[in-house]
Amino acid sequence: MTRIAVLGTGSYVPERRVSNQEVAAGAGVDSEWIIRKTEIRERRWAHSGQATSDLATEAAAAALESAGIGAHELRTIVVATSTPDQPQPPTAAFVQHNLSAHDASAFDVNAVCSGFVFALSTVEAALARAGGGYGLVVGADVYSRILDPADRRTVVLFGDGAGAVVLGPAARGGIERSDLHTFGEFTSMIQVPGGGSRRPLDPAAHALGAQYFTMDGRGVREFVADRLPLLVKQFLHDCGVAPDDIAHLIPHQANGVMLAQLEQDLGLPNAALHTTVTRFGNTGAASVPITLDHASRSGALHPGEKALLMGFGGGMAVGLTLLEWEREK
């Protein structure tokens, strides 16, 4: 099958900067507590007129420019999000229209904070089987709309943003393998309980706060510590790659303190850990592509180097992708 690589990257965060002081007051904590627990200094939140598709469109346009590809050349557009513009149609349809990518199919993927890696795997496989063509993969979330301002477990963590990549045929390098995992026994660990067919958002649900994002932070930390090192070890074994061969680690930006511990636990001695969490917070499905874009544009990634993309989040879901960087700065 045709080898598929990342040909361009892009990202976008809203202009509004939200300080630790702003979110701390309602949550009953202070800035020092937030930094000690998360390493986050600030995050970006969308203004009232911005929806997920608006952020996604900005990131997509930047990725297309980076790749030197026109929107009319796209075969497919997939948006990974758990905060869509509306329940239907898919947010990707709005992005397709905004870009005038009239020949592209468009649909959404929801694997929460793992969504981008799940979407990347889906589009890569489709293009490889089709023998080529170009695909656009976007991770975008506007979590600020579903946060309880009094819940210190969530409101201090999350920001809004979007990241995107253009995929296409590669003469060298490219995506080598992806593995996707879901542990459905932990579905209650991260959730928005209201708004679906099981619990519609009626007045009773609103009174219970069912419209808000909830998270068992301790449970998530234990899940990550227990599961991810073993999954990564098995993944690299299946890829035939030694831990020493990984030059870059680009994980979901869940929490800066968690990532520092995870870096130690993974046992990747030569991997540079790339982070954006201190500036943008946890941006959900956008965090991996935002961080990839910043690493690319900084010149940190060099052709031939191997990078491990790692998403983890609600479901509970884990997505791993190994790629050999192909694109020049």
C-alpha atoms as a PDB file:
ATOM      1  CA  MET A   1       0.000   0.000   0.000  1.00  0.00           C
ATOM      2  CA  THR A   2       1.009   3.634  -0.516  1.00  0.00           C
ATOM      3  CA  ARG A   3       3.029   5.150   2.306  1.00  0.00           C
ATOM      4  CA  ILE A   4       1.315   8.172   3.887  1.00  0.00           C
ATOM      5  CA  ALA A   5       3.073  11.012   5.677  1.00  0.00           C
ATOM      6  CA  VAL A   6       2.346  14.311   7.384  1.00  0.00           C
ATOM      7  CA  LEU A   7       2.867  16.918   4.667  1.00  0.00           C
ATOM      8  CA  GLY A   8       1.886  19.999   6.653  1.00  0.00           C
ATOM      9  CA  THR A   9       0.792  21.116  10.092  1.00  0.00           C
ATOM     10  CA  GLY A  10      -1.232  23.996  11.492  1.00  0.00           C
ATOM     11  CA  SER A  11      -2.775  25.183  14.727  1.00  0.00           C
ATOM     12  CA  TYR A  12      -4.948  27.915  16.147  1.00  0.00           C
ATOM     13  CA  VAL A  13      -5.804  29.109  19.656  1.00  0.00           C
ATOM     14  CA  PRO A  14      -8.250  31.910  20.478  1.00  0.00           C
ATOM     15  CA  GLU A  15      -6.926  35.364  21.308  1.00  0.00           C
ATOM     16  CA  ARG A  16      -8.472  35.513  24.776  1.00  0.00           C
ATOM     17  CA  ARG A  17      -5.898  34.636  27.439  1.00  0.00           C
ATOM     18  CA  VAL A  18      -7.363  33.285  30.677  1.00  0.00           C
ATOM     19  CA  SER A  19      -5.063  33.576  33.669  1.00  0.00           C
ATOM     20  CA  ASN A  20      -4.824  31.259  36.618  1.00  0.00           C
ATOM     21  CA  GLN A  21      -6.204  34.035  38.782  1.00  0.00           C
ATOM     22  CA  GLU A  22      -9.349  34.228  36.654  1.00  0.00           C
ATOM     23  CA  VAL A  23     -10.226  30.533  36.965  1.00  0.00           C
ATOM     24  CA  ALA A  24      -8.951  30.111  40.522  1.00  0.00           C
ATOM     25  CA  ALA A  25     -11.393  32.457  42.190  1.00  0.00           C
ATOM     26  CA  GLY A  26     -14.565  30.503  41.439  1.00  0.00           C
ATOM     27  CA  ALA A  27     -12.880  27.145  42.052  1.00  0.00           C
ATOM     28  CA  GLY A  28     -11.681  27.980  45.539  1.00  0.00           C
ATOM     29  CA  VAL A  29      -7.956  27.686  44.791  1.00  0.00           C
ATOM     30  CA  ASP A  30      -5.113  30.047  43.926  1.00  0.00           C
ATOM     31  CA  SER A  31      -2.619  30.346  41.082  1.00  0.00           C
ATOM     32  CA  GLU A  32       0.158  28.685  43.042  1.00  0.00           C
ATOM     33  CA  TRP A  33      -2.062  25.628  43.650  1.00  0.00           C
ATOM     34  CA  ILE A  34      -2.814  25.364  39.928  1.00  0.00           C
ATOM     35  CA  ILE A  35       0.855  25.579  38.967  1.00  0.00           C
ATOM     36  CA  ARG A  36       1.865  23.037  41.611  1.00  0.00           C
ATOM     37  CA  LYS A  37      -0.797  20.560  40.513  1.00  0.00           C
ATOM     38  CA  THR A  38      -0.705  21.078  36.722  1.00  0.00           C
ATOM     39  CA  GLU A  39       2.169  23.422  35.668  1.00  0.00           C
ATOM     40  CA  ILE A  40      -0.437  25.426  33.712  1.00  0.00           C
ATOM     41  CA  ARG A  41       0.134  29.201  33.709  1.00  0.00           C
ATOM     42  CA  GLU A  42      -2.678  30.237  31.369  1.00  0.00           C
ATOM     43  CA  ARG A  43      -5.091  28.910  28.758  1.00  0.00           C
ATOM     44  CA  ARG A  44      -7.056  30.322  25.814  1.00  0.00           C
ATOM     45  CA  TRP A  45     -10.854  30.426  25.671  1.00  0.00           C
ATOM     46  CA  ALA A  46     -13.003  31.120  22.641  1.00  0.00           C
ATOM     47  CA  HIS A  47     -15.076  34.282  22.558  1.00  0.00           C
ATOM     48  CA  SER A  48     -18.854  34.013  22.533  1.00  0.00           C
ATOM     49  CA  GLY A  49     -19.133  34.031  18.754  1.00  0.00           C
ATOM     50  CA  GLN A  50     -16.567  31.268  18.120  1.00  0.00           C
ATOM     51  CA  ALA A  51     -17.559  27.637  17.643  1.00  0.00           C
ATOM     52  CA  THR A  52     -15.401  24.538  17.284  1.00  0.00           C
ATOM     53  CA  SER A  53     -15.620  24.676  13.483  1.00  0.00           C
ATOM     54  CA  ASP A  54     -14.238  28.226  13.478  1.00  0.00           C
ATOM     55  CA  LEU A  55     -11.133  27.138  15.370  1.00  0.00           C
ATOM     56  CA  ALA A  56     -10.834  24.021  13.219  1.00  0.00           C
ATOM     57  CA  THR A  57     -11.047  26.050  10.005  1.00  0.00           C
ATOM     58  CA  GLU A  58      -8.212  28.343  11.082  1.00  0.00           C
ATOM     59  CA  ALA A  59      -5.955  25.416  11.948  1.00  0.00           C
ATOM     60  CA  ALA A  60      -6.884  23.611   8.734  1.00  0.00           C
ATOM     61  CA  ALA A  61      -6.067  26.632   6.585  1.00  0.00           C
ATOM     62  CA  ALA A  62      -2.652  26.894   8.243  1.00  0.00           C
ATOM     63  CA  ALA A  63      -1.975  23.184   7.629  1.00  0.00           C
ATOM     64  CA  LEU A  64      -2.989  23.451   3.969  1.00  0.00           C
ATOM     65  CA  GLU A  65      -0.673  26.427   3.499  1.00  0.00           C
ATOM     66  CA  SER A  66       2.131  24.540   5.234  1.00  0.00           C
ATOM     67  CA  ALA A  67       1.635  21.560   2.917  1.00  0.00           C
ATOM     68  CA  GLY A  68       1.244  23.647  -0.230  1.00  0.00           C
ATOM     69  CA  ILE A  69      -2.066  21.894  -0.931  1.00  0.00           C
ATOM     70  CA  GLY A  70      -5.314  23.507  -2.073  1.00  0.00           C
ATOM     71  CA  ALA A  71      -8.553  22.641  -0.298  1.00  0.00           C
ATOM     72  CA  HIS A  72      -9.980  21.508  -3.646  1.00  0.00           C
ATOM     73  CA  GLU A  73      -7.395  18.700  -3.683  1.00  0.00           C
ATOM     74  CA  LEU A  74      -8.627  17.083  -0.475  1.00  0.00           C
ATOM     75  CA  ARG A  75     -10.203  13.641  -0.646  1.00  0.00           C
ATOM     76  CA  THR A  76     -11.495  13.627   2.932  1.00  0.00           C
ATOM     77  CA  ILE A  77     -11.770  15.790   6.050  1.00  0.00           C
ATOM     78  CA  VAL A  78     -12.086  14.291   9.526  1.00  0.00           C
ATOM     79  CA  VAL A  79     -12.569  16.416  12.624  1.00  0.00           C
ATOM     80  CA  ALA A  80     -11.853  14.864  16.017  1.00  0.00           C
ATOM     81  CA  THR A  81     -13.936  16.607  18.673  1.00  0.00           C
ATOM     82  CA  SER A  82     -16.098  15.957  21.709  1.00  0.00           C
ATOM     83  CA  THR A  83     -17.447  19.530  21.671  1.00  0.00           C
ATOM     84  CA  PRO A  84     -19.117  19.758  18.243  1.00  0.00           C
ATOM     85  CA  ASP A  85     -20.811  22.898  16.972  1.00  0.00           C
ATOM     86  CA  GLN A  86     -24.134  21.094  17.434  1.00  0.00           C
ATOM     87  CA  PRO A  87     -25.296  17.452  17.758  1.00  0.00           C
ATOM     88  CA  GLN A  88     -25.712  17.248  13.996  1.00  0.00           C
ATOM     89  CA  PRO A  89     -24.590  17.710  11.262  1.00  0.00           C
ATOM     90  CA  PRO A  90     -20.918  16.867  11.842  1.00  0.00           C
ATOM     91  CA  THR A  91     -18.578  19.724  12.600  1.00  0.00           C
ATOM     92  CA  ALA A  92     -16.431  18.520   9.684  1.00  0.00           C
ATOM     93  CA  ALA A  93     -19.230  19.515   7.294  1.00  0.00           C
ATOM     94  CA  PHE A  94     -18.972  23.131   8.457  1.00  0.00           C
ATOM     95  CA  VAL A  95     -15.187  22.990   8.025  1.00  0.00           C
ATOM     96  CA  GLN A  96     -15.557  21.548   4.529  1.00  0.00           C
ATOM     97  CA  HIS A  97     -17.906  24.396   3.603  1.00  0.00           C
ATOM     98  CA  ASN A  98     -15.673  27.046   5.184  1.00  0.00           C
ATOM     99  CA  LEU A  99     -12.677  25.798   3.188  1.00  0.00           C
ATOM    100  CA  SER A 100     -14.670  25.343  -0.062  1.00  0.00           C
ATOM    101  CA  ALA A 101     -13.347  21.764  -0.151  1.00  0.00           C
ATOM    102  CA  HIS A 102     -16.329  20.667  -2.200  1.00  0.00           C
ATOM    103  CA  ASP A 103     -14.894  17.332  -3.355  1.00  0.00           C
ATOM    104  CA  ALA A 104     -13.994  16.072   0.116  1.00  0.00           C
ATOM    105  CA  SER A 105     -16.043  13.749   2.261  1.00  0.00           C
ATOM    106  CA  ALA A 106     -16.374  15.073   5.803  1.00  0.00           C
ATOM    107  CA  PHE A 107     -17.187  13.421   9.117  1.00  0.00           C
ATOM    108  CA  ASP A 108     -16.391  13.588  12.828  1.00  0.00           C
ATOM    109  CA  VAL A 109     -14.645  11.205  15.228  1.00  0.00           C
ATOM    110  CA  ASN A 110     -15.243  11.317  18.980  1.00  0.00           C
ATOM    111  CA  ALA A 111     -12.660   9.552  21.117  1.00  0.00           C
ATOM    112  CA  VAL A 112     -12.403  12.555  23.453  1.00  0.00           C
ATOM    113  CA  CYS A 113      -8.750  13.514  24.060  1.00  0.00           C
ATOM    114  CA  SER A 114      -7.519  10.537  21.991  1.00  0.00           C
ATOM    115  CA  GLY A 115      -9.648  11.633  19.073  1.00  0.00           C
ATOM    116  CA  PHE A 116      -6.916  13.114  16.900  1.00  0.00           C
ATOM    117  CA  VAL A 117      -4.839   9.919  16.921  1.00  0.00           C
ATOM    118  CA  PHE A 118      -7.962   7.848  16.167  1.00  0.00           C
ATOM    119  CA  ALA A 119      -8.826  10.169  13.272  1.00  0.00           C
ATOM    120  CA  LEU A 120      -5.233  10.169  12.004  1.00  0.00           C
ATOM    121  CA  SER A 121      -5.225   6.378  11.881  1.00  0.00           C
ATOM    122  CA  THR A 122      -8.559   6.344  10.054  1.00  0.00           C
ATOM    123  CA  VAL A 123      -7.496   8.784   7.350  1.00  0.00           C
ATOM    124  CA  GLU A 124      -4.035   7.265   6.917  1.00  0.00           C
ATOM    125  CA  ALA A 125      -5.545   3.819   6.350  1.00  0.00           C
ATOM    126  CA  ALA A 126      -8.116   5.170   3.884  1.00  0.00           C
ATOM    127  CA  LEU A 127      -5.523   7.031   1.812  1.00  0.00           C
ATOM    128  CA  ALA A 128      -3.120   4.084   1.834  1.00  0.00           C
ATOM    129  CA  ARG A 129      -5.823   1.723   0.563  1.00  0.00           C
ATOM    130  CA  ALA A 130      -6.917   4.250  -2.056  1.00  0.00           C
ATOM    131  CA  GLY A 131      -3.376   4.519  -3.365  1.00  0.00           C
ATOM    132  CA  GLY A 132      -2.917   8.169  -2.457  1.00  0.00           C
ATOM    133  CA  GLY A 133      -4.737  11.456  -2.393  1.00  0.00           C
ATOM    134  CA  TYR A 134      -4.767  14.064   0.332  1.00  0.00           C
ATOM    135  CA  GLY A 135      -6.597  14.079   3.633  1.00  0.00           C
ATOM    136  CA  LEU A 136      -7.091  16.674   6.335  1.00  0.00           C
ATOM    137  CA  VAL A 137      -7.205  15.625   9.994  1.00  0.00           C
ATOM    138  CA  VAL A 138      -8.227  18.200  12.590  1.00  0.00           C
ATOM    139  CA  GLY A 139      -8.437  17.982  16.371  1.00  0.00           C
ATOM    140  CA  ALA A 140     -10.542  20.784  17.824  1.00  0.00           C
ATOM    141  CA  ASP A 141     -12.351  21.418  21.088  1.00  0.00           C
ATOM    142  CA  VAL A 142     -14.061  24.278  22.916  1.00  0.00           C
ATOM    143  CA  TYR A 143     -14.158  22.935  26.449  1.00  0.00           C
ATOM    144  CA  SER A 144     -14.781  26.329  28.031  1.00  0.00           C
ATOM    145  CA  ARG A 145     -18.490  25.945  27.168  1.00  0.00           C
ATOM    146  CA  ILE A 146     -18.950  22.789  29.265  1.00  0.00           C
ATOM    147  CA  LEU A 147     -16.870  23.577  32.373  1.00  0.00           C
ATOM    148  CA  ASP A 148     -18.351  24.076  35.817  1.00  0.00           C
ATOM    149  CA  PRO A 149     -16.587  27.227  37.095  1.00  0.00           C
ATOM    150  CA  ALA A 150     -16.722  25.859  40.638  1.00  0.00           C
ATOM    151  CA  ASP A 151     -15.097  22.494  39.824  1.00  0.00           C
ATOM    152  CA  ARG A 152     -11.374  22.790  40.492  1.00  0.00           C
ATOM    153  CA  ARG A 153     -10.786  19.339  38.975  1.00  0.00           C
ATOM    154  CA  THR A 154     -11.687  20.627  35.510  1.00  0.00           C
ATOM    155  CA  VAL A 155     -11.983  24.395  35.146  1.00  0.00           C
ATOM    156  CA  VAL A 156      -8.301  25.018  35.901  1.00  0.00           C
ATOM    157  CA  LEU A 157      -7.156  22.462  33.319  1.00  0.00           C
ATOM    158  CA  PHE A 158      -8.919  23.079  30.063  1.00  0.00           C
ATOM    159  CA  GLY A 159      -8.424  25.484  27.194  1.00  0.00           C
ATOM    160  CA  ASP A 160      -9.802  25.810  23.675  1.00  0.00           C
ATOM    161  CA  GLY A 161      -7.905  25.279  20.440  1.00  0.00           C
ATOM    162  CA  ALA A 162      -7.438  23.380  17.212  1.00  0.00           C
ATOM    163  CA  GLY A 163      -4.597  21.616  15.437  1.00  0.00           C
ATOM    164  CA  ALA A 164      -4.481  20.050  11.994  1.00  0.00           C
ATOM    165  CA  VAL A 165      -2.337  17.998   9.646  1.00  0.00           C
ATOM    166  CA  VAL A 166      -2.472  17.318   5.938  1.00  0.00           C
ATOM    167  CA  LEU A 167      -1.725  13.716   5.004  1.00  0.00           C
ATOM    168  CA  GLY A 168      -0.596  12.508   1.609  1.00  0.00           C
ATOM    169  CA  PRO A 169       1.740  10.169  -0.277  1.00  0.00           C
ATOM    170  CA  ALA A 170       5.378  10.126   0.795  1.00  0.00           C
ATOM    171  CA  ALA A 171       8.515   9.132  -1.071  1.00  0.00           C
ATOM    172  CA  ARG A 172      10.144   8.412   2.286  1.00  0.00           C
ATOM    173  CA  GLY A 173       9.244   8.471   5.942  1.00  0.00           C
ATOM    174  CA  GLY A 174       5.627   8.623   6.967  1.00  0.00           C
ATOM    175  CA  ILE A 175       3.257   6.914   9.366  1.00  0.00           C
ATOM    176  CA  GLU A 176       4.577   3.489  10.256  1.00  0.00           C
ATOM    177  CA  ARG A 177       1.858   2.131  12.514  1.00  0.00           C
ATOM    178  CA  SER A 178      -1.045   3.081  14.783  1.00  0.00           C
ATOM    179  CA  ASP A 179      -2.688   1.170  17.618  1.00  0.00           C
ATOM    180  CA  LEU A 180      -6.050   2.134  19.084  1.00  0.00           C
ATOM    181  CA  HIS A 181      -7.402   0.896  22.414  1.00  0.00           C
ATOM    182  CA  THR A 182     -10.634   1.455  24.308  1.00  0.00           C
ATOM    183  CA  PHE A 183     -11.297   0.351  27.888  1.00  0.00           C
ATOM    184  CA  GLY A 184     -15.049   0.705  28.109  1.00  0.00           C
ATOM    185  CA  GLU A 185     -15.243  -0.417  31.714  1.00  0.00           C
ATOM    186  CA  PHE A 186     -13.978   3.059  32.635  1.00  0.00           C
ATOM    187  CA  THR A 187     -16.589   5.110  30.753  1.00  0.00           C
ATOM    188  CA  SER A 188     -17.681   6.934  33.900  1.00  0.00           C
ATOM    189  CA  MET A 189     -14.180   8.264  34.608  1.00  0.00           C
ATOM    190  CA  ILE A 190     -14.469  11.139  32.092  1.00  0.00           C
ATOM    191  CA  GLN A 191     -17.875  12.216  30.835  1.00  0.00           C
ATOM    192  CA  VAL A 192     -20.536  14.792  30.114  1.00  0.00           C
ATOM    193  CA  PRO A 193     -23.540  12.881  31.443  1.00  0.00           C
ATOM    194  CA  GLY A 194     -26.280  15.045  29.926  1.00  0.00           C
ATOM    195  CA  GLY A 195     -27.243  15.946  26.390  1.00  0.00           C
ATOM    196  CA  GLY A 196     -27.602  12.520  24.785  1.00  0.00           C
ATOM    197  CA  SER A 197     -30.357   9.964  24.361  1.00  0.00           C
ATOM    198  CA  ARG A 198     -29.879   8.501  27.835  1.00  0.00           C
ATOM    199  CA  ARG A 199     -30.174  11.793  29.719  1.00  0.00           C
ATOM    200  CA  PRO A 200     -31.600  14.638  27.626  1.00  0.00           C
ATOM    201  CA  LEU A 201     -30.855  18.125  28.858  1.00  0.00           C
ATOM    202  CA  ASP A 202     -34.227  18.871  30.399  1.00  0.00           C
ATOM    203  CA  PRO A 203     -34.674  21.201  33.388  1.00  0.00           C
ATOM    204  CA  ALA A 204     -34.050  18.332  35.836  1.00  0.00           C
ATOM    205  CA  ALA A 205     -30.727  17.471  34.166  1.00  0.00           C
ATOM    206  CA  HIS A 206     -29.653  21.123  34.224  1.00  0.00           C
ATOM    207  CA  ALA A 207     -30.519  21.329  37.911  1.00  0.00           C
ATOM    208  CA  LEU A 208     -28.111  18.427  38.521  1.00  0.00           C
ATOM    209  CA  GLY A 209     -25.351  20.034  36.429  1.00  0.00           C
ATOM    210  CA  ALA A 210     -25.477  17.199  33.885  1.00  0.00           C
ATOM    211  CA  GLN A 211     -24.392  19.597  31.136  1.00  0.00           C
ATOM    212  CA  TYR A 212     -20.917  19.909  32.638  1.00  0.00           C
ATOM    213  CA  PHE A 213     -17.756  17.955  31.899  1.00  0.00           C
ATOM    214  CA  THR A 214     -16.741  15.768  34.851  1.00  0.00           C
ATOM    215  CA  MET A 215     -13.532  13.870  35.534  1.00  0.00           C
ATOM    216  CA  ASP A 216     -12.168  11.557  38.198  1.00  0.00           C
ATOM    217  CA  GLY A 217      -8.682  13.067  38.231  1.00  0.00           C
ATOM    218  CA  ARG A 218      -7.156  10.500  40.549  1.00  0.00           C
ATOM    219  CA  GLY A 219      -8.623   7.656  38.538  1.00  0.00           C
ATOM    220  CA  VAL A 220      -7.233   9.122  35.317  1.00  0.00           C
ATOM    221  CA  ARG A 221      -3.752   9.443  36.823  1.00  0.00           C
ATOM    222  CA  GLU A 222      -3.855   5.839  37.997  1.00  0.00           C
ATOM    223  CA  PHE A 223      -5.092   4.673  34.594  1.00  0.00           C
ATOM    224  CA  VAL A 224      -2.276   6.492  32.811  1.00  0.00           C
ATOM    225  CA  ALA A 225       0.393   5.216  35.213  1.00  0.00           C
ATOM    226  CA  ASP A 226      -0.851   1.630  35.090  1.00  0.00           C
ATOM    227  CA  ARG A 227      -1.695   1.271  31.401  1.00  0.00           C
ATOM    228  CA  LEU A 228       0.356   3.559  29.203  1.00  0.00           C
ATOM    229  CA  PRO A 229       3.909   2.299  29.889  1.00  0.00           C
ATOM    230  CA  LEU A 230       2.847  -1.289  29.130  1.00  0.00           C
ATOM    231  CA  LEU A 231       0.894  -0.278  26.022  1.00  0.00           C
ATOM    232  CA  VAL A 232       3.822   1.758  24.684  1.00  0.00           C
ATOM    233  CA  LYS A 233       6.290  -1.037  25.379  1.00  0.00           C
ATOM    234  CA  GLN A 234       4.128  -3.550  23.499  1.00  0.00           C
ATOM    235  CA  PHE A 235       3.482  -1.083  20.675  1.00  0.00           C
ATOM    236  CA  LEU A 236       7.171  -0.445  20.054  1.00  0.00           C
ATOM    237  CA  HIS A 237       7.853  -4.186  20.197  1.00  0.00           C
ATOM    238  CA  ASP A 238       5.163  -4.768  17.574  1.00  0.00           C
ATOM    239  CA  CYS A 239       6.697  -2.004  15.432  1.00  0.00           C
ATOM    240  CA  GLY A 240      10.148  -3.600  15.695  1.00  0.00           C
ATOM    241  CA  VAL A 241      11.518  -0.369  17.150  1.00  0.00           C
ATOM    242  CA  ALA A 242      13.735  -0.037  20.212  1.00  0.00           C
ATOM    243  CA  PRO A 243      12.878   2.575  22.859  1.00  0.00           C
ATOM    244  CA  ASP A 244      16.238   4.207  22.111  1.00  0.00           C
ATOM    245  CA  ASP A 245      15.095   4.900  18.540  1.00  0.00           C
ATOM    246  CA  ILE A 246      12.332   7.322  19.540  1.00  0.00           C
ATOM    247  CA  ALA A 247      13.559  10.902  19.120  1.00  0.00           C
ATOM    248  CA  HIS A 248      10.331  12.763  19.945  1.00  0.00           C
ATOM    249  CA  LEU A 249       7.404  12.160  22.281  1.00  0.00           C
ATOM    250  CA  ILE A 250       4.285  14.195  21.489  1.00  0.00           C
ATOM    251  CA  PRO A 251       1.611  13.252  24.031  1.00  0.00           C
ATOM    252  CA  HIS A 252      -1.823  14.538  24.882  1.00  0.00           C
ATOM    253  CA  GLN A 253      -1.313  17.607  27.049  1.00  0.00           C
ATOM    254  CA  ALA A 254      -3.402  16.436  29.987  1.00  0.00           C
ATOM    255  CA  ASN A 255      -1.440  17.940  32.856  1.00  0.00           C
ATOM    256  CA  GLY A 256       2.172  19.082  33.066  1.00  0.00           C
ATOM    257  CA  VAL A 257       2.918  17.250  36.304  1.00  0.00           C
ATOM    258  CA  MET A 258       1.429  14.031  34.913  1.00  0.00           C
ATOM    259  CA  LEU A 259       3.488  14.329  31.725  1.00  0.00           C
ATOM    260  CA  ALA A 260       6.737  14.766  33.664  1.00  0.00           C
ATOM    261  CA  GLN A 261       6.042  11.546  35.561  1.00  0.00           C
ATOM    262  CA  LEU A 262       4.917   9.735  32.417  1.00  0.00           C
ATOM    263  CA  GLU A 263       8.127  10.713  30.643  1.00  0.00           C
ATOM    264  CA  GLN A 264      10.091   8.884  33.336  1.00  0.00           C
ATOM    265  CA  ASP A 265       7.804   5.854  33.342  1.00  0.00           C
ATOM    266  CA  LEU A 266       7.868   5.293  29.566  1.00  0.00           C
ATOM    267  CA  GLY A 267      11.593   4.597  29.392  1.00  0.00           C
ATOM    268  CA  LEU A 268      12.371   6.435  26.150  1.00  0.00           C
ATOM    269  CA  PRO A 269      15.878   7.709  26.937  1.00  0.00           C
ATOM    270  CA  ASN A 270      16.495   9.670  23.743  1.00  0.00           C
ATOM    271  CA  ALA A 271      13.006  11.135  23.279  1.00  0.00           C
ATOM    272  CA  ALA A 272      12.490  14.869  23.587  1.00  0.00           C
ATOM    273  CA  LEU A 273       9.212  15.544  25.384  1.00  0.00           C
ATOM    274  CA  HIS A 274       7.231  18.255  23.591  1.00  0.00           C
ATOM    275  CA  THR A 275       4.731  20.249  25.620  1.00  0.00           C
ATOM    276  CA  THR A 276       2.368  23.179  25.172  1.00  0.00           C
ATOM    277  CA  VAL A 277       0.289  22.599  28.305  1.00  0.00           C
ATOM    278  CA  THR A 278       1.795  25.435  30.343  1.00  0.00           C
ATOM    279  CA  ARG A 279       0.626  28.025  27.772  1.00  0.00           C
ATOM    280  CA  PHE A 280      -2.605  26.528  26.446  1.00  0.00           C
ATOM    281  CA  GLY A 281      -3.791  24.065  29.085  1.00  0.00           C
ATOM    282  CA  ASN A 282      -5.463  20.809  28.130  1.00  0.00           C
ATOM    283  CA  THR A 283      -7.069  21.419  24.723  1.00  0.00           C
ATOM    284  CA  GLY A 284      -8.664  17.981  24.368  1.00  0.00           C
ATOM    285  CA  ALA A 285      -8.421  16.448  20.918  1.00  0.00           C
ATOM    286  CA  ALA A 286      -6.482  19.509  19.758  1.00  0.00           C
ATOM    287  CA  SER A 287      -3.548  19.036  22.117  1.00  0.00           C
ATOM    288  CA  VAL A 288      -1.529  16.485  20.113  1.00  0.00           C
ATOM    289  CA  PRO A 289      -1.755  18.330  16.746  1.00  0.00           C
ATOM    290  CA  ILE A 290      -1.159  21.740  18.375  1.00  0.00           C
ATOM    291  CA  THR A 291       1.981  20.374  20.004  1.00  0.00           C
ATOM    292  CA  LEU A 292       3.079  18.668  16.787  1.00  0.00           C
ATOM    293  CA  ASP A 293       2.647  21.929  14.884  1.00  0.00           C
ATOM    294  CA  HIS A 294       4.689  23.892  17.425  1.00  0.00           C
ATOM    295  CA  ALA A 295       7.434  21.252  17.332  1.00  0.00           C
ATOM    296  CA  SER A 296       7.470  21.336  13.530  1.00  0.00           C
ATOM    297  CA  ARG A 297       7.511  25.111  13.198  1.00  0.00           C
ATOM    298  CA  SER A 298      10.260  25.449  15.818  1.00  0.00           C
ATOM    299  CA  GLY A 299      12.539  23.275  13.680  1.00  0.00           C
ATOM    300  CA  ALA A 300      12.806  20.603  16.376  1.00  0.00           C
ATOM    301  CA  LEU A 301      11.767  17.759  14.053  1.00  0.00           C
ATOM    302  CA  HIS A 302      14.215  16.524  11.424  1.00  0.00           C
ATOM    303  CA  PRO A 303      13.680  14.149   8.481  1.00  0.00           C
ATOM    304  CA  GLY A 304      14.337  10.537   9.397  1.00  0.00           C
ATOM    305  CA  GLU A 305      13.638  10.978  13.114  1.00  0.00           C
ATOM    306  CA  LYS A 306      10.986   8.840  14.736  1.00  0.00           C
ATOM    307  CA  ALA A 307       8.187  10.451  16.734  1.00  0.00           C
ATOM    308  CA  LEU A 308       5.623   8.812  18.970  1.00  0.00           C
ATOM    309  CA  LEU A 309       2.207  10.478  19.111  1.00  0.00           C
ATOM    310  CA  MET A 310       0.183   9.466  22.150  1.00  0.00           C
ATOM    311  CA  GLY A 311      -3.425  10.289  22.956  1.00  0.00           C
ATOM    312  CA  PHE A 312      -5.341   9.209  26.039  1.00  0.00           C
ATOM    313  CA  GLY A 313      -8.663  10.254  27.468  1.00  0.00           C
ATOM    314  CA  GLY A 314     -12.351   9.517  27.905  1.00  0.00           C
ATOM    315  CA  GLY A 315     -13.656   6.144  26.953  1.00  0.00           C
ATOM    316  CA  MET A 316     -11.129   5.342  28.339  1.00  0.00           C
ATOM    317  CA  ALA A 317      -9.245   5.456  25.066  1.00  0.00           C
ATOM    318  CA  VAL A 318      -5.559   5.308  24.117  1.00  0.00           C
ATOM    319  CA  GLY A 319      -4.190   5.998  20.642  1.00  0.00           C
ATOM    320  CA  LEU A 320      -0.552   5.507  19.611  1.00  0.00           C
ATOM    321  CA  THR A 321       1.044   6.454  16.297  1.00  0.00           C
ATOM    322  CA  LEU A 322       4.645   5.958  15.238  1.00  0.00           C
ATOM    323  CA  LEU A 323       5.843   8.127  12.403  1.00  0.00           C
ATOM    324  CA  GLU A 324       9.121   8.866  10.722  1.00  0.00           C
ATOM    325  CA  TRP A 325       9.268  12.588  10.146  1.00  0.00           C
ATOM    326  CA  GLU A 326       9.431  13.329   6.461  1.00  0.00           C
ATOM    327  CA  ARG A 327       8.717  17.009   6.081  1.00  0.00           C
ATOM    328  CA  GLU A 328      11.447  19.620   5.931  1.00  0.00           C
ATOM    329  CA  LYS A 329      10.961  22.728   8.066  1.00  0.00           C
END
